[in-house]
Amino acid sequence: MRIILEIVIILTTESSMSKAKKLSQTLLERKLSACVSFRTIESHYLWNNQIDKSKEVQLLIKTTGKKMKKLLMVLKELHSYEIPEIICLNAFSSKDYGNWLLKSLEG
Protein backbone atom coordinates (compact mmCIF):
# COMPACT_ATOMS: atom_id res chain seq x y z
CA MET A 1 0.00 0.00 0.00
CA ARG A 2 1.37 3.41 -0.95
CA ILE A 3 0.95 6.15 1.63
CA ILE A 4 0.95 9.92 1.52
CA LEU A 5 1.76 12.29 4.38
CA GLU A 6 -0.35 15.36 3.67
CA ILE A 7 -3.10 14.33 6.11
CA VAL A 8 -3.83 15.99 9.45
CA ILE A 9 -6.38 14.81 12.02
CA ILE A 10 -7.63 17.42 14.45
CA LEU A 11 -9.36 16.31 17.63
CA THR A 12 -11.75 18.56 19.49
CA THR A 13 -14.82 18.15 21.66
CA GLU A 14 -18.15 19.95 21.90
CA SER A 15 -20.80 19.88 24.60
CA SER A 16 -23.59 18.55 22.37
CA MET A 17 -24.21 16.80 19.07
CA SER A 18 -26.05 19.85 17.69
CA LYS A 19 -23.00 22.08 18.34
CA ALA A 20 -20.68 19.46 16.88
CA LYS A 21 -22.81 19.16 13.73
CA LYS A 22 -22.98 22.95 13.32
CA LEU A 23 -19.20 23.23 13.60
CA SER A 24 -18.75 20.34 11.16
CA GLN A 25 -21.13 21.90 8.64
CA THR A 26 -19.15 25.15 8.65
CA LEU A 27 -15.81 23.36 8.18
CA LEU A 28 -17.19 21.29 5.29
CA GLU A 29 -18.91 24.24 3.58
CA ARG A 30 -15.69 26.28 3.74
CA LYS A 31 -13.72 23.29 2.38
CA LEU A 32 -11.43 23.30 5.40
CA SER A 33 -12.19 19.64 6.11
CA ALA A 34 -13.16 16.78 3.82
CA CYS A 35 -14.68 14.63 6.57
CA VAL A 36 -15.68 14.97 10.23
CA SER A 37 -16.49 11.95 12.38
CA PHE A 38 -18.37 12.09 15.69
CA ARG A 39 -18.27 9.95 18.80
CA THR A 40 -20.08 10.42 22.12
CA ILE A 41 -17.66 10.25 25.03
CA GLU A 42 -17.41 10.91 28.75
CA SER A 43 -14.47 13.12 29.70
CA HIS A 44 -12.86 13.39 33.13
CA TYR A 45 -10.63 16.43 33.61
CA LEU A 46 -9.23 19.03 35.97
CA TRP A 47 -11.03 22.38 35.90
CA ASN A 48 -10.47 25.13 38.50
CA ASN A 49 -8.50 22.68 40.67
CA GLN A 50 -11.44 20.26 40.78
CA ILE A 51 -11.92 16.90 39.10
CA ASP A 52 -14.91 17.22 36.81
CA LYS A 53 -16.62 15.06 34.21
CA SER A 54 -19.06 15.61 31.41
CA LYS A 55 -20.66 13.94 28.41
CA GLU A 56 -19.19 15.37 25.21
CA VAL A 57 -19.03 14.78 21.49
CA GLN A 58 -15.55 14.20 20.10
CA LEU A 59 -14.90 15.40 16.55
CA LEU A 60 -12.20 13.84 14.37
CA ILE A 61 -11.58 16.40 11.64
CA LYS A 62 -9.63 15.28 8.56
CA THR A 63 -7.75 17.95 6.60
CA THR A 64 -4.36 18.83 5.11
CA GLY A 65 -1.39 20.77 6.42
CA LYS A 66 -2.20 23.57 3.97
CA LYS A 67 -5.72 24.00 5.37
CA MET A 68 -4.82 23.52 9.04
CA LYS A 69 -3.99 27.14 9.99
CA LYS A 70 -7.26 28.53 8.59
CA LEU A 71 -9.23 25.62 10.10
CA LEU A 72 -7.73 26.30 13.55
CA MET A 73 -8.69 29.98 13.29
CA VAL A 74 -12.28 29.03 12.49
CA LEU A 75 -12.35 26.47 15.33
CA LYS A 76 -11.19 29.07 17.86
CA GLU A 77 -13.69 31.60 16.54
CA LEU A 78 -16.76 29.33 16.54
CA HIS A 79 -16.07 26.88 19.37
CA SER A 80 -18.46 27.06 22.33
CA TYR A 81 -15.82 26.28 25.00
CA GLU A 82 -13.75 28.87 26.83
CA ILE A 83 -10.65 26.70 26.28
CA PRO A 84 -11.41 24.15 23.56
CA GLU A 85 -9.41 20.97 23.20
CA ILE A 86 -7.57 21.27 19.90
CA ILE A 87 -5.04 18.51 19.20
CA CYS A 88 -3.43 18.15 15.76
CA LEU A 89 -1.97 14.84 14.63
CA ASN A 90 0.04 14.16 11.49
CA ALA A 91 -1.23 10.98 9.93
CA PHE A 92 -0.65 8.66 6.99
CA SER A 93 -3.42 7.50 4.70
CA SER A 94 -3.91 5.18 1.79
CA LYS A 95 -3.21 6.76 -1.57
CA ASP A 96 -6.86 6.53 -2.63
CA TYR A 97 -8.19 8.14 0.57
CA GLY A 98 -5.50 10.83 0.49
CA ASN A 99 -6.28 11.68 -3.13
CA TRP A 100 -10.01 11.88 -2.32
CA LEU A 101 -9.28 14.18 0.63
CA LEU A 102 -7.04 16.47 -1.43
CA LYS A 103 -9.56 16.64 -4.27
CA SER A 104 -12.42 17.37 -1.84
CA LEU A 105 -10.61 20.41 -0.47
CA GLU A 106 -9.85 22.01 -3.84
CA GLY A 107 -11.44 25.31 -4.71
C-alpha atoms as a PDB file:
ATOM      1  CA  MET A   1       0.000   0.000   0.000  1.00  0.00           C
ATOM      2  CA  ARG A   2       1.371   3.411  -0.952  1.00  0.00           C
ATOM      3  CA  ILE A   3       0.947   6.149   1.634  1.00  0.00           C
ATOM      4  CA  ILE A   4       0.952   9.921   1.518  1.00  0.00           C
ATOM      5  CA  LEU A   5       1.763  12.286   4.378  1.00  0.00           C
ATOM      6  CA  GLU A   6      -0.352  15.356   3.669  1.00  0.00           C
ATOM      7  CA  ILE A   7      -3.099  14.332   6.114  1.00  0.00           C
ATOM      8  CA  VAL A   8      -3.833  15.993   9.452  1.00  0.00           C
ATOM      9  CA  ILE A   9      -6.376  14.808  12.017  1.00  0.00           C
ATOM     10  CA  ILE A  10      -7.628  17.420  14.446  1.00  0.00           C
ATOM     11  CA  LEU A  11      -9.360  16.306  17.632  1.00  0.00           C
ATOM     12  CA  THR A  12     -11.751  18.564  19.489  1.00  0.00           C
ATOM     13  CA  THR A  13     -14.824  18.154  21.657  1.00  0.00           C
ATOM     14  CA  GLU A  14     -18.154  19.951  21.902  1.00  0.00           C
ATOM     15  CA  SER A  15     -20.799  19.876  24.598  1.00  0.00           C
ATOM     16  CA  SER A  16     -23.589  18.555  22.370  1.00  0.00           C
ATOM     17  CA  MET A  17     -24.214  16.800  19.070  1.00  0.00           C
ATOM     18  CA  SER A  18     -26.045  19.846  17.691  1.00  0.00           C
ATOM     19  CA  LYS A  19     -23.003  22.085  18.342  1.00  0.00           C
ATOM     20  CA  ALA A  20     -20.678  19.458  16.875  1.00  0.00           C
ATOM     21  CA  LYS A  21     -22.809  19.164  13.730  1.00  0.00           C
ATOM     22  CA  LYS A  22     -22.983  22.954  13.316  1.00  0.00           C
ATOM     23  CA  LEU A  23     -19.200  23.230  13.604  1.00  0.00           C
ATOM     24  CA  SER A  24     -18.748  20.341  11.163  1.00  0.00           C
ATOM     25  CA  GLN A  25     -21.134  21.896   8.644  1.00  0.00           C
ATOM     26  CA  THR A  26     -19.151  25.149   8.646  1.00  0.00           C
ATOM     27  CA  LEU A  27     -15.813  23.363   8.180  1.00  0.00           C
ATOM     28  CA  LEU A  28     -17.185  21.290   5.287  1.00  0.00           C
ATOM     29  CA  GLU A  29     -18.909  24.241   3.581  1.00  0.00           C
ATOM     30  CA  ARG A  30     -15.690  26.277   3.738  1.00  0.00           C
ATOM     31  CA  LYS A  31     -13.719  23.294   2.382  1.00  0.00           C
ATOM     32  CA  LEU A  32     -11.434  23.302   5.404  1.00  0.00           C
ATOM     33  CA  SER A  33     -12.192  19.636   6.109  1.00  0.00           C
ATOM     34  CA  ALA A  34     -13.164  16.779   3.818  1.00  0.00           C
ATOM     35  CA  CYS A  35     -14.677  14.629   6.566  1.00  0.00           C
ATOM     36  CA  VAL A  36     -15.685  14.971  10.227  1.00  0.00           C
ATOM     37  CA  SER A  37     -16.488  11.946  12.382  1.00  0.00           C
ATOM     38  CA  PHE A  38     -18.373  12.088  15.695  1.00  0.00           C
ATOM     39  CA  ARG A  39     -18.269   9.952  18.804  1.00  0.00           C
ATOM     40  CA  THR A  40     -20.075  10.421  22.115  1.00  0.00           C
ATOM     41  CA  ILE A  41     -17.656  10.250  25.032  1.00  0.00           C
ATOM     42  CA  GLU A  42     -17.409  10.909  28.751  1.00  0.00           C
ATOM     43  CA  SER A  43     -14.470  13.124  29.696  1.00  0.00           C
ATOM     44  CA  HIS A  44     -12.862  13.394  33.129  1.00  0.00           C
ATOM     45  CA  TYR A  45     -10.634  16.426  33.610  1.00  0.00           C
ATOM     46  CA  LEU A  46      -9.231  19.031  35.973  1.00  0.00           C
ATOM     47  CA  TRP A  47     -11.028  22.377  35.902  1.00  0.00           C
ATOM     48  CA  ASN A  48     -10.474  25.130  38.496  1.00  0.00           C
ATOM     49  CA  ASN A  49      -8.503  22.682  40.670  1.00  0.00           C
ATOM     50  CA  GLN A  50     -11.439  20.261  40.775  1.00  0.00           C
ATOM     51  CA  ILE A  51     -11.923  16.897  39.101  1.00  0.00           C
ATOM     52  CA  ASP A  52     -14.915  17.223  36.814  1.00  0.00           C
ATOM     53  CA  LYS A  53     -16.622  15.058  34.212  1.00  0.00           C
ATOM     54  CA  SER A  54     -19.060  15.608  31.406  1.00  0.00           C
ATOM     55  CA  LYS A  55     -20.657  13.941  28.406  1.00  0.00           C
ATOM     56  CA  GLU A  56     -19.194  15.371  25.209  1.00  0.00           C
ATOM     57  CA  VAL A  57     -19.027  14.776  21.487  1.00  0.00           C
ATOM     58  CA  GLN A  58     -15.554  14.202  20.098  1.00  0.00           C
ATOM     59  CA  LEU A  59     -14.900  15.402  16.554  1.00  0.00           C
ATOM     60  CA  LEU A  60     -12.201  13.841  14.367  1.00  0.00           C
ATOM     61  CA  ILE A  61     -11.585  16.396  11.644  1.00  0.00           C
ATOM     62  CA  LYS A  62      -9.633  15.284   8.556  1.00  0.00           C
ATOM     63  CA  THR A  63      -7.749  17.951   6.602  1.00  0.00           C
ATOM     64  CA  THR A  64      -4.356  18.831   5.110  1.00  0.00           C
ATOM     65  CA  GLY A  65      -1.389  20.770   6.416  1.00  0.00           C
ATOM     66  CA  LYS A  66      -2.200  23.566   3.965  1.00  0.00           C
ATOM     67  CA  LYS A  67      -5.724  23.995   5.368  1.00  0.00           C
ATOM     68  CA  MET A  68      -4.823  23.521   9.040  1.00  0.00           C
ATOM     69  CA  LYS A  69      -3.991  27.144   9.986  1.00  0.00           C
ATOM     70  CA  LYS A  70      -7.261  28.526   8.591  1.00  0.00           C
ATOM     71  CA  LEU A  71      -9.227  25.619  10.096  1.00  0.00           C
ATOM     72  CA  LEU A  72      -7.734  26.304  13.548  1.00  0.00           C
ATOM     73  CA  MET A  73      -8.686  29.981  13.285  1.00  0.00           C
ATOM     74  CA  VAL A  74     -12.284  29.030  12.491  1.00  0.00           C
ATOM     75  CA  LEU A  75     -12.347  26.471  15.330  1.00  0.00           C
ATOM     76  CA  LYS A  76     -11.186  29.070  17.862  1.00  0.00           C
ATOM     77  CA  GLU A  77     -13.689  31.603  16.540  1.00  0.00           C
ATOM     78  CA  LEU A  78     -16.763  29.329  16.541  1.00  0.00           C
ATOM     79  CA  HIS A  79     -16.069  26.876  19.373  1.00  0.00           C
ATOM     80  CA  SER A  80     -18.455  27.056  22.326  1.00  0.00           C
ATOM     81  CA  TYR A  81     -15.818  26.283  25.001  1.00  0.00           C
ATOM     82  CA  GLU A  82     -13.747  28.873  26.832  1.00  0.00           C
ATOM     83  CA  ILE A  83     -10.655  26.700  26.284  1.00  0.00           C
ATOM     84  CA  PRO A  84     -11.409  24.154  23.560  1.00  0.00           C
ATOM     85  CA  GLU A  85      -9.414  20.974  23.195  1.00  0.00           C
ATOM     86  CA  ILE A  86      -7.570  21.270  19.898  1.00  0.00           C
ATOM     87  CA  ILE A  87      -5.042  18.505  19.195  1.00  0.00           C
ATOM     88  CA  CYS A  88      -3.426  18.155  15.758  1.00  0.00           C
ATOM     89  CA  LEU A  89      -1.965  14.841  14.626  1.00  0.00           C
ATOM     90  CA  ASN A  90       0.040  14.162  11.487  1.00  0.00           C
ATOM     91  CA  ALA A  91      -1.230  10.980   9.926  1.00  0.00           C
ATOM     92  CA  PHE A  92      -0.647   8.658   6.987  1.00  0.00           C
ATOM     93  CA  SER A  93      -3.419   7.504   4.698  1.00  0.00           C
ATOM     94  CA  SER A  94      -3.911   5.181   1.790  1.00  0.00           C
ATOM     95  CA  LYS A  95      -3.208   6.756  -1.572  1.00  0.00           C
ATOM     96  CA  ASP A  96      -6.861   6.535  -2.629  1.00  0.00           C
ATOM     97  CA  TYR A  97      -8.190   8.143   0.566  1.00  0.00           C
ATOM     98  CA  GLY A  98      -5.502  10.828   0.488  1.00  0.00           C
ATOM     99  CA  ASN A  99      -6.279  11.683  -3.132  1.00  0.00           C
ATOM    100  CA  TRP A 100     -10.009  11.883  -2.323  1.00  0.00           C
ATOM    101  CA  LEU A 101      -9.282  14.182   0.628  1.00  0.00           C
ATOM    102  CA  LEU A 102      -7.036  16.469  -1.425  1.00  0.00           C
ATOM    103  CA  LYS A 103      -9.561  16.636  -4.270  1.00  0.00           C
ATOM    104  CA  SER A 104     -12.423  17.371  -1.844  1.00  0.00           C
ATOM    105  CA  LEU A 105     -10.605  20.414  -0.470  1.00  0.00           C
ATOM    106  CA  GLU A 106      -9.847  22.007  -3.840  1.00  0.00           C
ATOM    107  CA  GLY A 107     -11.435  25.306  -4.710  1.00  0.00           C
END
